[in-house]
Protein backbone atom coordinates (compact mmCIF):
# COMPACT_ATOMS: atom_id res chain seq x y z
CA MET A 1 -10.06 -18.29 30.95
CA ARG A 2 -13.15 -16.52 29.55
CA LYS A 3 -16.46 -17.37 31.23
CA SER A 4 -17.74 -18.66 27.84
CA LEU A 5 -14.95 -21.28 27.82
CA ALA A 6 -15.09 -22.15 31.49
CA SER A 7 -17.90 -24.57 31.02
CA CYS A 8 -17.05 -25.93 27.56
CA ARG A 9 -16.13 -29.54 26.89
CA VAL A 10 -12.44 -30.31 26.47
CA SER A 11 -11.77 -32.45 23.44
CA PRO A 12 -10.37 -36.01 23.95
CA GLY A 13 -7.03 -34.74 22.58
CA ALA A 14 -6.61 -32.53 25.67
CA LEU A 15 -5.51 -35.38 27.93
CA ALA A 16 -2.82 -36.33 25.30
CA ILE A 17 -1.68 -32.67 25.26
CA VAL A 18 -1.33 -32.59 29.01
CA ALA A 19 0.66 -35.82 28.98
CA ALA A 20 2.93 -34.45 26.29
CA ALA A 21 3.40 -31.20 28.35
CA LEU A 22 4.47 -33.27 31.47
CA ALA A 23 6.91 -35.32 29.38
CA ASN A 24 8.34 -32.01 28.15
CA VAL A 25 8.73 -30.64 31.63
CA ALA A 26 10.70 -33.83 32.60
CA VAL A 27 13.00 -33.30 29.69
CA VAL A 28 13.65 -29.67 30.49
CA CYS A 29 14.32 -30.43 34.04
CA ALA A 30 16.88 -33.01 32.88
CA ARG A 31 18.77 -30.48 30.69
CA GLU A 32 18.02 -26.94 29.75
CA PRO A 33 18.82 -26.17 26.13
CA SER A 34 21.41 -23.50 25.63
CA PRO A 35 21.37 -20.46 23.23
CA LEU A 36 22.97 -20.72 19.80
CA PRO A 37 26.69 -20.55 19.98
CA ASP A 38 28.63 -17.69 18.30
CA ALA A 39 31.18 -18.45 15.60
CA ALA A 40 33.32 -16.43 13.17
CA PRO A 41 31.55 -16.00 9.89
CA ALA A 42 34.17 -18.03 7.96
CA ALA A 43 33.39 -21.10 10.13
CA ALA A 44 29.85 -20.93 8.65
CA GLY A 45 30.90 -20.32 5.11
CA MET A 46 30.23 -16.57 5.18
CA ASP A 47 32.15 -13.39 4.49
CA ALA A 48 32.72 -11.23 7.47
CA ALA A 49 33.37 -8.11 5.36
CA ARG A 50 30.07 -8.48 3.51
CA LEU A 51 28.17 -8.93 6.81
CA ALA A 52 29.79 -5.81 8.16
CA ALA A 53 27.87 -3.80 5.60
CA ILE A 54 24.86 -4.28 7.92
CA ASP A 55 26.41 -1.71 10.19
CA ALA A 56 26.03 1.09 7.67
CA ILE A 57 22.49 0.09 6.61
CA VAL A 58 21.27 0.24 10.25
CA ALA A 59 23.15 3.40 11.05
CA GLU A 60 21.78 5.19 7.99
CA GLY A 61 18.23 4.10 8.99
CA ILE A 62 18.73 5.56 12.47
CA ASP A 63 20.07 8.80 10.94
CA ARG A 64 17.01 9.03 8.72
CA GLY A 65 14.67 8.70 11.68
CA GLU A 66 13.40 5.28 10.59
CA MET A 67 13.81 3.88 14.13
CA PRO A 68 15.73 4.95 17.25
CA GLY A 69 17.47 1.65 17.53
CA ALA A 70 17.59 -2.00 16.47
CA VAL A 71 19.11 -5.52 17.18
CA VAL A 72 20.19 -7.64 14.26
CA LEU A 73 21.12 -11.28 14.32
CA VAL A 74 22.25 -13.51 11.41
CA ALA A 75 22.89 -17.20 11.76
CA ARG A 76 23.96 -19.98 9.50
CA GLY A 77 24.76 -23.68 10.08
CA GLY A 78 23.56 -23.51 13.65
CA VAL A 79 25.84 -20.73 14.78
CA VAL A 80 25.32 -16.97 15.20
CA VAL A 81 27.74 -15.07 12.91
CA TYR A 82 26.48 -11.53 13.53
CA LEU A 83 24.70 -10.09 16.54
CA LYS A 84 24.72 -6.31 17.21
CA ALA A 85 22.64 -3.68 18.96
CA PHE A 86 22.31 -0.26 17.49
CA GLY A 87 21.15 3.20 18.66
CA ARG A 88 18.73 3.75 21.51
CA ARG A 89 16.22 1.41 23.21
CA GLN A 90 14.40 4.48 24.65
CA VAL A 91 14.54 8.07 23.75
CA GLU A 92 11.74 9.47 26.00
CA PRO A 93 11.30 10.28 28.88
CA THR A 94 14.96 9.29 29.38
CA VAL A 95 17.58 7.97 27.08
CA GLU A 96 18.62 4.27 27.15
CA SER A 97 21.14 2.56 24.90
CA MET A 98 19.97 -0.41 22.83
CA THR A 99 21.31 -3.84 24.09
CA VAL A 100 21.30 -7.25 22.43
CA ASP A 101 19.03 -8.61 25.22
CA THR A 102 16.36 -6.01 24.73
CA VAL A 103 12.85 -7.41 24.95
CA PHE A 104 10.62 -6.54 21.95
CA ASP A 105 6.86 -6.51 21.24
CA LEU A 106 6.89 -8.86 18.27
CA ALA A 107 3.41 -7.72 16.98
CA SER A 108 2.40 -9.97 14.10
CA LEU A 109 5.40 -12.33 14.42
CA THR A 110 3.00 -13.64 17.15
CA LYS A 111 0.94 -15.27 14.31
CA PRO A 112 3.58 -17.82 13.18
CA VAL A 113 5.66 -18.17 16.31
CA ALA A 114 2.96 -18.54 18.91
CA THR A 115 -0.35 -19.23 17.16
CA ALA A 116 0.50 -21.19 14.03
CA THR A 117 3.01 -23.26 15.80
CA SER A 118 0.49 -24.06 18.50
CA VAL A 119 -2.12 -25.03 15.91
CA MET A 120 0.32 -27.29 14.20
CA LYS A 121 1.10 -28.99 17.63
CA LEU A 122 -2.67 -29.72 17.80
CA VAL A 123 -2.75 -31.08 14.31
CA GLU A 124 0.20 -33.27 14.96
CA ASP A 125 -1.48 -34.53 18.19
CA GLU A 126 -4.50 -35.32 15.94
CA SER A 127 -6.70 -33.08 18.15
CA ILE A 128 -7.69 -31.20 15.05
CA SER A 129 -7.32 -31.50 11.24
CA LEU A 130 -6.24 -28.58 8.99
CA ASP A 131 -9.35 -29.18 6.92
CA ASP A 132 -11.73 -29.16 9.91
CA ALA A 133 -14.30 -26.40 9.82
CA VAL A 134 -13.51 -23.98 12.48
CA ALA A 135 -17.16 -24.06 13.62
CA GLU A 136 -16.81 -27.77 14.48
CA HIS A 137 -14.83 -26.56 17.48
CA ILE A 138 -16.26 -23.05 17.91
CA PRO A 139 -19.95 -23.53 17.03
CA GLU A 140 -20.73 -19.76 17.58
CA PHE A 141 -18.31 -18.96 14.61
CA ALA A 142 -20.74 -20.59 12.14
CA ALA A 143 -23.03 -17.60 12.21
CA ASN A 144 -23.54 -15.45 9.09
CA GLY A 145 -22.20 -17.91 6.52
CA LYS A 146 -18.90 -18.92 8.16
CA ALA A 147 -19.80 -22.52 8.82
CA GLY A 148 -17.47 -23.86 6.10
CA VAL A 149 -14.28 -21.88 6.86
CA THR A 150 -11.42 -24.14 7.66
CA VAL A 151 -8.43 -23.98 9.92
CA ARG A 152 -6.08 -24.30 6.85
CA GLN A 153 -7.87 -21.29 5.27
CA LEU A 154 -7.41 -19.08 8.29
CA LEU A 155 -3.75 -20.07 8.52
CA THR A 156 -3.17 -18.90 4.96
CA HIS A 157 -5.40 -15.76 5.21
CA GLN A 158 -7.93 -17.27 2.69
CA GLY A 159 -10.90 -17.66 4.93
CA GLY A 160 -12.69 -14.57 3.53
CA LEU A 161 -12.59 -12.70 6.92
CA ILE A 162 -12.17 -8.97 7.14
CA ALA A 163 -8.66 -7.72 7.87
CA ASP A 164 -9.65 -6.05 11.16
CA ASN A 165 -13.04 -5.47 12.72
CA ALA A 166 -13.67 -1.99 14.28
CA LEU A 167 -11.75 -1.16 17.50
CA ARG A 168 -14.94 -0.09 19.08
CA ASP A 169 -16.03 -3.83 19.04
CA TYR A 170 -13.44 -4.47 21.75
CA LEU A 171 -13.95 -1.47 24.05
CA ASP A 172 -16.64 -2.94 26.41
CA GLY A 173 -14.69 -6.13 27.29
CA PRO A 174 -13.57 -9.41 25.84
CA GLU A 175 -16.87 -11.19 26.13
CA ALA A 176 -18.70 -8.66 23.97
CA ALA A 177 -15.73 -8.65 21.57
CA TRP A 178 -15.92 -12.37 21.08
CA GLU A 179 -19.59 -12.20 20.38
CA ARG A 180 -19.05 -9.50 17.65
CA ILE A 181 -16.27 -11.52 16.11
CA HIS A 182 -18.40 -14.59 15.94
CA ARG A 183 -21.28 -12.62 14.23
CA LEU A 184 -18.89 -11.18 11.54
CA THR A 185 -19.82 -11.81 7.88
CA LEU A 186 -17.47 -12.89 5.22
CA ARG A 187 -15.83 -10.33 2.82
CA ALA A 188 -15.17 -13.02 0.15
CA GLU A 189 -15.85 -16.72 -0.30
CA PRO A 190 -13.13 -18.80 1.24
CA GLU A 191 -10.14 -19.48 -1.06
CA THR A 192 -11.12 -16.84 -3.61
CA ARG A 193 -9.08 -13.98 -2.13
CA PHE A 194 -6.05 -13.42 0.01
CA ILE A 195 -6.97 -11.07 2.74
CA TYR A 196 -4.32 -10.59 5.41
CA SER A 197 -6.50 -10.93 8.51
CA ASP A 198 -5.84 -10.21 12.18
CA VAL A 199 -9.32 -11.41 12.87
CA GLY A 200 -8.57 -14.89 11.37
CA PHE A 201 -5.72 -15.26 13.76
CA ILE A 202 -7.67 -13.98 16.72
CA VAL A 203 -9.99 -16.82 15.94
CA LEU A 204 -7.19 -19.33 15.71
CA GLY A 205 -5.91 -18.26 19.18
CA GLU A 206 -9.44 -18.92 20.46
CA LEU A 207 -9.33 -22.29 18.58
CA VAL A 208 -6.27 -23.32 20.55
CA GLU A 209 -8.05 -22.62 23.77
CA ARG A 210 -11.28 -24.42 22.81
CA ILE A 211 -9.29 -27.58 21.80
CA SER A 212 -6.60 -27.59 24.51
CA GLY A 213 -8.36 -25.99 27.47
CA GLN A 214 -5.45 -23.56 27.72
CA SER A 215 -5.01 -20.00 26.35
CA VAL A 216 -2.64 -19.59 23.46
CA HIS A 217 -0.34 -18.02 26.02
CA GLU A 218 -0.37 -21.00 28.29
CA PHE A 219 -0.20 -23.50 25.41
CA SER A 220 2.70 -21.95 23.59
CA GLN A 221 4.59 -21.47 26.73
CA GLN A 222 4.30 -25.15 27.77
CA GLN A 223 4.45 -26.85 24.45
CA ILE A 224 7.01 -24.64 22.62
CA PHE A 225 8.93 -22.04 24.45
CA GLU A 226 9.62 -23.74 27.82
CA PRO A 227 10.94 -27.08 26.19
CA LEU A 228 13.24 -25.07 24.00
CA GLY A 229 14.59 -22.97 26.99
CA MET A 230 13.16 -19.76 25.51
CA THR A 231 12.91 -18.09 28.93
CA GLU A 232 12.59 -14.59 27.43
CA THR A 233 9.63 -15.32 25.23
CA GLY A 234 5.90 -15.24 25.99
CA TYR A 235 2.83 -13.06 26.48
CA LEU A 236 2.53 -10.83 29.44
CA PRO A 237 6.24 -10.29 30.30
CA ASP A 238 7.21 -10.31 34.00
CA GLN A 239 8.72 -7.17 35.78
CA GLU A 240 12.30 -8.18 34.91
CA LEU A 241 11.60 -8.52 31.18
CA ARG A 242 9.50 -5.31 31.14
CA ARG A 243 12.45 -3.43 32.65
CA ARG A 244 14.51 -4.11 29.45
CA ALA A 245 11.69 -3.90 26.97
CA ALA A 246 11.65 -1.46 24.19
CA PRO A 247 8.82 1.05 24.55
CA THR A 248 6.63 1.92 21.78
CA GLU A 249 4.08 4.82 22.05
CA LYS A 250 1.96 6.40 24.72
CA ARG A 251 -1.41 5.03 25.84
CA ASP A 252 -3.59 7.14 28.14
CA GLY A 253 -0.61 9.30 28.72
CA GLU A 254 1.72 6.57 29.79
CA TRP A 255 4.55 4.89 27.74
CA ILE A 256 3.65 1.40 26.62
CA ARG A 257 6.63 -0.68 27.83
CA GLY A 258 6.44 -4.37 28.11
CA SER A 259 2.68 -4.17 27.45
CA VAL A 260 1.30 -5.10 24.06
CA HIS A 261 1.01 -2.14 21.58
CA ASP A 262 -1.71 -3.63 19.43
CA PRO A 263 -5.03 -2.10 20.58
CA ARG A 264 -7.25 -5.12 19.96
CA ALA A 265 -4.84 -7.51 21.86
CA HIS A 266 -4.59 -4.93 24.62
CA HIS A 267 -8.49 -4.96 25.01
CA LEU A 268 -8.36 -8.81 25.00
CA GLY A 269 -6.11 -8.72 28.06
CA GLY A 270 -2.82 -8.84 26.33
CA VAL A 271 -3.17 -12.40 24.88
CA ALA A 272 -4.50 -12.90 21.33
CA GLY A 273 -3.61 -15.02 18.40
CA HIS A 274 -2.55 -12.04 16.19
CA ALA A 275 -0.39 -10.17 18.55
CA GLY A 276 0.93 -9.96 22.10
CA LEU A 277 4.07 -12.07 22.05
CA PHE A 278 7.34 -10.61 23.41
CA SER A 279 10.86 -12.01 22.82
CA THR A 280 14.57 -11.27 22.24
CA ALA A 281 16.85 -11.90 19.35
CA ALA A 282 18.60 -14.78 21.17
CA ASP A 283 15.32 -16.57 21.94
CA LEU A 284 13.99 -16.17 18.45
CA ALA A 285 17.21 -17.66 17.19
CA ILE A 286 16.50 -20.84 19.12
CA TYR A 287 13.06 -21.01 17.59
CA ALA A 288 14.36 -20.48 14.04
CA GLN A 289 17.02 -23.15 14.50
CA MET A 290 14.40 -25.60 15.71
CA LEU A 291 12.58 -25.16 12.40
CA LEU A 292 15.92 -25.51 10.50
CA GLY A 293 16.45 -28.67 12.66
CA GLU A 294 13.18 -30.07 11.38
CA GLY A 295 11.39 -29.48 14.70
CA GLN A 296 14.30 -30.26 17.02
CA TYR A 297 16.81 -28.27 18.91
CA GLU A 298 19.64 -29.61 20.99
CA GLY A 299 17.86 -32.95 21.24
CA ILE A 300 14.56 -31.40 22.28
CA ARG A 301 11.79 -32.12 19.74
CA VAL A 302 8.75 -29.85 19.75
CA LEU A 303 7.47 -30.70 16.26
CA ASN A 304 7.88 -33.74 13.93
CA PRO A 305 9.76 -33.25 10.70
CA ASP A 306 6.58 -33.83 8.65
CA THR A 307 4.81 -31.10 10.60
CA VAL A 308 7.52 -28.57 9.95
CA GLU A 309 7.47 -29.39 6.17
CA LEU A 310 3.73 -29.10 6.15
CA MET A 311 3.77 -25.82 7.99
CA THR A 312 6.43 -24.12 5.83
CA ALA A 313 5.42 -25.46 2.39
CA ALA A 314 4.30 -22.69 0.06
CA HIS A 315 0.64 -22.46 -0.99
CA THR A 316 -0.11 -20.52 -4.15
CA LEU A 317 -2.76 -17.73 -3.65
CA PRO A 318 -5.64 -16.98 -5.94
CA ALA A 319 -4.27 -13.82 -7.45
CA GLY A 320 -0.62 -14.87 -7.27
CA GLY A 321 1.91 -14.85 -4.54
CA LYS A 322 2.54 -17.56 -1.90
CA ARG A 323 1.96 -18.15 1.77
CA ALA A 324 2.74 -21.07 4.08
CA LEU A 325 0.74 -21.97 7.23
CA GLY A 326 1.16 -18.94 9.31
CA TRP A 327 4.20 -17.74 7.35
CA ASP A 328 4.74 -15.30 4.48
CA VAL A 329 6.59 -16.61 1.42
CA ARG A 330 6.07 -14.17 -1.41
CA THR A 331 3.33 -11.59 -1.23
CA GLY A 332 2.94 -7.77 -1.04
CA TYR A 333 4.06 -8.07 2.61
CA SER A 334 7.47 -9.60 1.75
CA SER A 335 9.60 -6.61 1.25
CA ASN A 336 11.49 -7.54 4.39
CA ARG A 337 12.61 -10.90 2.81
CA GLY A 338 15.26 -9.26 0.53
CA ASP A 339 16.20 -10.22 -2.99
CA LEU A 340 18.40 -13.29 -2.46
CA PHE A 341 16.65 -15.68 -0.19
CA SER A 342 15.66 -18.95 -2.02
CA ASP A 343 12.17 -19.97 -2.99
CA ARG A 344 12.10 -22.29 0.12
CA ALA A 345 12.42 -19.32 2.53
CA PHE A 346 9.55 -18.34 4.81
CA GLY A 347 9.21 -15.42 7.29
CA HIS A 348 7.11 -12.66 8.65
CA GLY A 349 7.14 -9.15 9.94
CA GLY A 350 5.49 -7.25 12.69
CA PHE A 351 3.97 -3.74 12.92
CA THR A 352 6.25 -2.67 15.71
CA GLY A 353 9.28 -3.03 13.48
CA THR A 354 10.13 -6.77 13.65
CA ALA A 355 11.01 -9.29 10.94
CA MET A 356 12.34 -12.89 10.74
CA TRP A 357 13.06 -14.87 7.61
CA ILE A 358 14.34 -18.43 7.61
CA ASP A 359 15.90 -20.22 4.61
CA PRO A 360 16.24 -24.06 4.78
CA GLN A 361 18.08 -24.15 1.38
CA PHE A 362 20.88 -21.82 2.66
CA ASP A 363 20.59 -23.01 6.26
CA LEU A 364 20.33 -19.31 7.12
CA PHE A 365 18.13 -17.03 9.02
CA TYR A 366 18.11 -13.41 10.04
CA ILE A 367 16.25 -11.53 12.82
CA PHE A 368 15.55 -7.84 12.80
CA LEU A 369 14.01 -6.22 15.86
CA SER A 370 13.48 -2.48 16.17
CA ASN A 371 11.53 0.07 18.20
CA ARG A 372 10.38 1.99 15.06
CA LEU A 373 7.10 3.16 16.70
CA HIS A 374 8.97 4.94 19.52
CA PRO A 375 8.39 7.69 20.29
CA ASP A 376 5.83 9.01 17.75
CA GLY A 377 4.69 6.04 15.67
CA LYS A 378 6.28 7.41 12.48
CA GLY A 379 9.11 5.04 11.75
CA SER A 380 9.32 2.73 8.77
CA VAL A 381 11.70 -0.24 8.54
CA ASN A 382 10.43 -3.00 6.16
CA ARG A 383 12.61 -2.06 3.26
CA LEU A 384 15.62 -1.57 5.56
CA ALA A 385 15.03 -5.04 6.94
CA GLY A 386 14.93 -6.40 3.47
CA ARG A 387 18.31 -4.87 2.65
CA ILE A 388 19.76 -6.57 5.65
CA ALA A 389 18.33 -9.90 4.44
CA THR A 390 20.00 -9.36 1.03
CA VAL A 391 23.29 -8.58 2.56
CA ALA A 392 22.97 -11.72 4.73
CA ALA A 393 22.30 -13.96 1.73
CA ALA A 394 24.96 -12.26 -0.36
CA ALA A 395 27.62 -13.05 2.43
CA ILE A 396 27.31 -16.76 1.81
CA ARG A 397 30.63 -18.07 0.34
CA ASP A 398 29.99 -21.82 0.21
């Protein structure tokens, strides 16, 4: 924990959070949830021949140099109907084949999966309200006209904050970085513009820590991932997970493998609200199915149904387009949603070449995880991922 937080007061809701965590541990000890089962596409009302078209889409992308490799998963009705690994996990300094259990740096998928879900847990526990001013819990954030910015506004990228502050703001340590973030001025009045903001989610990660007394890493692990049996998901992967992680680029002459690629998250110690989470396709499938199950997976409840509905409901943006709380719905960032997902669908992408879209109307989701930054940072996969989403939705027969 940062020194600035070590002496801060923990909110009254923190005791309830700890009690809930202990209850979850007891449940997990009793029975560990299992991964989503596999099934033939026909058993889930899907066409196997249409799903097979994904093979060619990914192969063509690899041939065009859009990424060295990828893992694709499609699930419907609580079963996995398509799961394949393609290409290479690593091409330098040695070649490794991609495997379905490859661990990926999720980049901005961190925002909904770890940070927004953690915030919604705190809302559900009544430790905070979506319409609380962030400065009620982080007084330093009120500086330079930000006193009225709310939690809800940050979750929908309508808080008026800059997209990213300068990388140099982070180079002399986390304490100085936090001071500079707190002193930032607004680029727009709240709720007048949609500005996709890493900074806003960095602040939300700090909010989780101020309220709960735990970093977003610790909180999401105890409150979300461990109860669900997502043993391959979290910040700061251990040695075994790093061994099968997909590398990205080089940093200081060394390949980044199992360490966060995002430079701001890196300078914050690998744990931040906007980036830093790692996972596998199978683990993300558990999370996605939990949301389709209205907050429950295999009898383990991590969110109440009303919380899931609140989190995933679309909010219309000032200039058009829609976002949910932490999730994309329809914006200029939605090319990876494809053409056929319903209006109820929500999802997100990540800079490293990741995407996940979940559709409650079709009881369907797809996960696309790639190493598009390896080895030279020049890959591009959003539209390819969107084509996979379109194929997945088109494969529904009933």
